[in-house]
N, C-alpha and C. Protein backbone atom coordinates (compact mmCIF):
# COMPACT_ATOMS: atom_id res chain seq x y z
N UNK A 1 6.67 121.96 12.45
CA UNK A 1 8.09 121.96 12.20
C UNK A 1 8.68 120.69 12.81
N UNK A 2 9.35 119.95 12.01
CA UNK A 2 9.96 118.71 12.48
C UNK A 2 11.29 119.02 13.15
N UNK A 3 11.76 118.07 13.96
CA UNK A 3 13.02 118.30 14.67
C UNK A 3 14.21 118.34 13.72
N UNK A 4 14.10 117.74 12.56
CA UNK A 4 15.19 117.76 11.60
C UNK A 4 15.32 119.09 10.88
N UNK A 5 14.32 119.97 11.00
CA UNK A 5 14.33 121.25 10.31
C UNK A 5 14.85 122.39 11.17
N UNK A 6 15.37 122.11 12.35
CA UNK A 6 15.77 123.17 13.27
C UNK A 6 16.93 124.00 12.71
N UNK A 7 17.90 123.38 12.11
CA UNK A 7 19.06 124.10 11.61
C UNK A 7 18.83 124.78 10.26
N UNK A 8 17.73 124.52 9.60
CA UNK A 8 17.49 125.07 8.28
C UNK A 8 16.74 126.39 8.38
N UNK A 9 17.19 127.42 7.69
CA UNK A 9 16.45 128.69 7.71
C UNK A 9 15.15 128.56 6.94
N UNK A 10 14.13 129.20 7.46
CA UNK A 10 12.83 129.16 6.80
C UNK A 10 12.44 130.57 6.40
N UNK A 11 11.87 130.70 5.24
CA UNK A 11 11.36 131.98 4.78
C UNK A 11 9.92 132.14 5.24
N UNK A 12 9.60 133.31 5.73
CA UNK A 12 8.23 133.55 6.19
C UNK A 12 7.28 133.61 5.00
N UNK A 13 7.77 134.11 3.89
CA UNK A 13 6.92 134.25 2.71
C UNK A 13 7.77 133.93 1.49
N UNK A 14 7.38 132.92 0.78
CA UNK A 14 8.10 132.58 -0.44
C UNK A 14 7.52 133.41 -1.58
N UNK A 15 8.41 134.02 -2.36
CA UNK A 15 7.99 134.91 -3.42
C UNK A 15 8.09 134.18 -4.75
N UNK A 16 7.01 134.21 -5.49
CA UNK A 16 7.00 133.65 -6.84
C UNK A 16 7.50 134.73 -7.79
N UNK A 17 8.70 134.57 -8.30
CA UNK A 17 9.32 135.60 -9.15
C UNK A 17 8.54 135.81 -10.45
N UNK A 18 7.84 134.81 -10.91
CA UNK A 18 7.09 134.94 -12.16
C UNK A 18 5.82 135.77 -11.97
N UNK A 19 5.33 135.88 -10.75
CA UNK A 19 4.09 136.62 -10.50
C UNK A 19 4.35 138.12 -10.39
N UNK A 20 5.61 138.54 -10.18
CA UNK A 20 5.93 139.95 -10.04
C UNK A 20 6.24 140.52 -11.41
N UNK A 21 5.47 141.53 -11.84
CA UNK A 21 5.75 142.10 -13.17
C UNK A 21 7.03 142.93 -13.14
N UNK A 22 7.77 142.96 -14.23
CA UNK A 22 8.98 143.77 -14.26
C UNK A 22 8.65 145.26 -14.26
N UNK A 23 9.53 146.05 -13.66
CA UNK A 23 9.33 147.50 -13.61
C UNK A 23 10.26 148.12 -14.64
N UNK A 24 9.67 148.90 -15.54
CA UNK A 24 10.52 149.51 -16.56
C UNK A 24 11.19 150.76 -16.02
N UNK A 25 12.09 151.32 -16.78
CA UNK A 25 12.91 152.43 -16.33
C UNK A 25 12.07 153.69 -16.06
N UNK A 26 11.07 153.94 -16.88
CA UNK A 26 10.22 155.12 -16.70
C UNK A 26 9.45 155.05 -15.38
N UNK A 27 8.92 153.88 -15.05
CA UNK A 27 8.20 153.71 -13.78
C UNK A 27 9.13 153.89 -12.59
N UNK A 28 10.35 153.37 -12.71
CA UNK A 28 11.32 153.54 -11.64
C UNK A 28 11.67 155.02 -11.45
N UNK A 29 11.79 155.73 -12.55
CA UNK A 29 12.08 157.16 -12.50
C UNK A 29 10.94 157.92 -11.82
N UNK A 30 9.69 157.57 -12.16
CA UNK A 30 8.53 158.22 -11.54
C UNK A 30 8.48 157.95 -10.04
N UNK A 31 8.76 156.72 -9.64
CA UNK A 31 8.77 156.39 -8.21
C UNK A 31 9.87 157.16 -7.48
N UNK A 32 11.02 157.30 -8.12
CA UNK A 32 12.11 158.07 -7.53
C UNK A 32 11.75 159.53 -7.38
N UNK A 33 11.08 160.10 -8.39
CA UNK A 33 10.66 161.50 -8.30
C UNK A 33 9.64 161.70 -7.19
N UNK A 34 8.75 160.73 -7.01
CA UNK A 34 7.77 160.82 -5.94
C UNK A 34 8.47 160.82 -4.58
N UNK A 35 9.42 159.92 -4.39
CA UNK A 35 10.16 159.88 -3.13
C UNK A 35 10.95 161.16 -2.90
N UNK A 36 11.52 161.71 -3.97
CA UNK A 36 12.25 162.96 -3.84
C UNK A 36 11.32 164.10 -3.44
N UNK A 37 10.12 164.12 -4.02
CA UNK A 37 9.14 165.14 -3.65
C UNK A 37 8.72 165.04 -2.19
N UNK A 38 8.54 163.82 -1.71
CA UNK A 38 8.20 163.64 -0.30
C UNK A 38 9.34 164.12 0.60
N UNK A 39 10.55 163.84 0.21
CA UNK A 39 11.70 164.29 0.99
C UNK A 39 11.80 165.81 1.04
N UNK A 40 11.56 166.46 -0.10
CA UNK A 40 11.62 167.93 -0.15
C UNK A 40 10.51 168.54 0.70
N UNK A 41 9.30 167.97 0.63
CA UNK A 41 8.20 168.50 1.45
C UNK A 41 8.49 168.31 2.93
N UNK A 42 9.08 167.18 3.29
CA UNK A 42 9.43 166.94 4.69
C UNK A 42 10.50 167.92 5.15
N UNK A 43 11.48 168.17 4.29
CA UNK A 43 12.54 169.12 4.62
C UNK A 43 11.98 170.52 4.86
N UNK A 44 11.09 170.97 3.99
CA UNK A 44 10.51 172.31 4.15
C UNK A 44 9.64 172.40 5.40
N UNK A 45 8.84 171.35 5.64
CA UNK A 45 7.96 171.35 6.81
C UNK A 45 8.76 171.36 8.11
N UNK A 46 9.79 170.53 8.17
CA UNK A 46 10.59 170.47 9.39
C UNK A 46 11.42 171.74 9.58
N UNK A 47 11.83 172.37 8.48
CA UNK A 47 12.54 173.64 8.60
C UNK A 47 11.67 174.73 9.18
N UNK A 48 10.42 174.79 8.73
CA UNK A 48 9.48 175.78 9.27
C UNK A 48 9.17 175.47 10.72
N UNK A 49 8.96 174.19 11.03
CA UNK A 49 8.69 173.80 12.42
C UNK A 49 9.86 174.16 13.33
N UNK A 50 11.06 173.93 12.86
CA UNK A 50 12.26 174.28 13.62
C UNK A 50 12.31 175.78 13.88
N UNK A 51 12.08 176.56 12.85
CA UNK A 51 12.15 178.03 12.99
C UNK A 51 11.06 178.54 13.93
N UNK A 52 9.86 178.00 13.83
CA UNK A 52 8.76 178.43 14.71
C UNK A 52 9.06 178.06 16.16
N UNK A 53 9.57 176.86 16.37
CA UNK A 53 9.86 176.45 17.74
C UNK A 53 10.96 177.30 18.36
N UNK A 54 11.97 177.65 17.59
CA UNK A 54 13.10 178.40 18.15
C UNK A 54 12.76 179.89 18.29
N UNK A 55 12.23 180.51 17.24
CA UNK A 55 12.01 181.96 17.26
C UNK A 55 10.71 182.37 17.95
N UNK A 56 9.62 181.72 17.61
CA UNK A 56 8.32 182.15 18.12
C UNK A 56 8.02 181.59 19.51
N UNK A 57 8.30 180.31 19.71
CA UNK A 57 7.96 179.68 20.99
C UNK A 57 9.09 179.74 22.01
N UNK A 58 10.25 180.25 21.60
CA UNK A 58 11.42 180.40 22.46
C UNK A 58 11.86 179.08 23.08
N UNK A 59 11.78 178.01 22.31
CA UNK A 59 12.27 176.72 22.75
C UNK A 59 13.77 176.69 22.47
N UNK A 60 14.59 176.23 23.40
CA UNK A 60 16.03 176.16 23.12
C UNK A 60 16.32 175.30 21.86
N UNK A 61 17.34 175.72 21.13
CA UNK A 61 17.63 175.06 19.84
C UNK A 61 17.98 173.58 20.02
N UNK A 62 18.64 173.23 21.11
CA UNK A 62 19.01 171.83 21.31
C UNK A 62 17.76 170.96 21.52
N UNK A 63 16.76 171.48 22.22
CA UNK A 63 15.52 170.72 22.42
C UNK A 63 14.75 170.60 21.11
N UNK A 64 14.70 171.69 20.33
CA UNK A 64 14.02 171.65 19.05
C UNK A 64 14.70 170.66 18.10
N UNK A 65 16.03 170.68 18.06
CA UNK A 65 16.77 169.75 17.20
C UNK A 65 16.56 168.32 17.66
N UNK A 66 16.54 168.10 18.96
CA UNK A 66 16.31 166.75 19.49
C UNK A 66 14.92 166.24 19.16
N UNK A 67 13.92 167.12 19.21
CA UNK A 67 12.55 166.71 18.89
C UNK A 67 12.44 166.33 17.41
N UNK A 68 13.08 167.10 16.54
CA UNK A 68 13.03 166.81 15.12
C UNK A 68 13.83 165.54 14.81
N UNK A 69 14.97 165.35 15.45
CA UNK A 69 15.77 164.14 15.23
C UNK A 69 15.03 162.91 15.74
N UNK A 70 14.33 163.03 16.84
CA UNK A 70 13.55 161.91 17.38
C UNK A 70 12.43 161.54 16.44
N UNK A 71 11.79 162.52 15.82
CA UNK A 71 10.73 162.24 14.86
C UNK A 71 11.28 161.47 13.67
N UNK A 72 12.49 161.82 13.21
CA UNK A 72 13.09 161.12 12.09
C UNK A 72 13.46 159.69 12.42
N UNK A 73 13.89 159.45 13.64
CA UNK A 73 14.27 158.08 14.01
C UNK A 73 13.04 157.20 14.21
N UNK A 74 11.95 157.77 14.66
CA UNK A 74 10.73 156.98 14.85
C UNK A 74 10.02 156.69 13.54
N UNK A 75 10.28 157.49 12.52
CA UNK A 75 9.60 157.31 11.25
C UNK A 75 10.02 156.02 10.55
N UNK A 76 11.19 155.50 10.84
CA UNK A 76 11.69 154.32 10.16
C UNK A 76 10.96 153.06 10.61
N UNK A 77 10.33 153.08 11.76
CA UNK A 77 9.73 151.86 12.31
C UNK A 77 8.28 151.80 12.09
């Protein structure tokens, strides 16, 4: 990197737009349905986990909610 390039932003990866194939509407719809299915499965799993922790294991609801919320925040990274 030369000293004259300090003020210029640099891209870590330059994308060749011609190399990326276009996505048609049907493929986008399928990808959206897949993401929706993952969200529904996650919702059901976390709901069961919440109920088991509160009713069966006698964990206070605030701790159970905090554990589930913490899992959701860590999933983004």
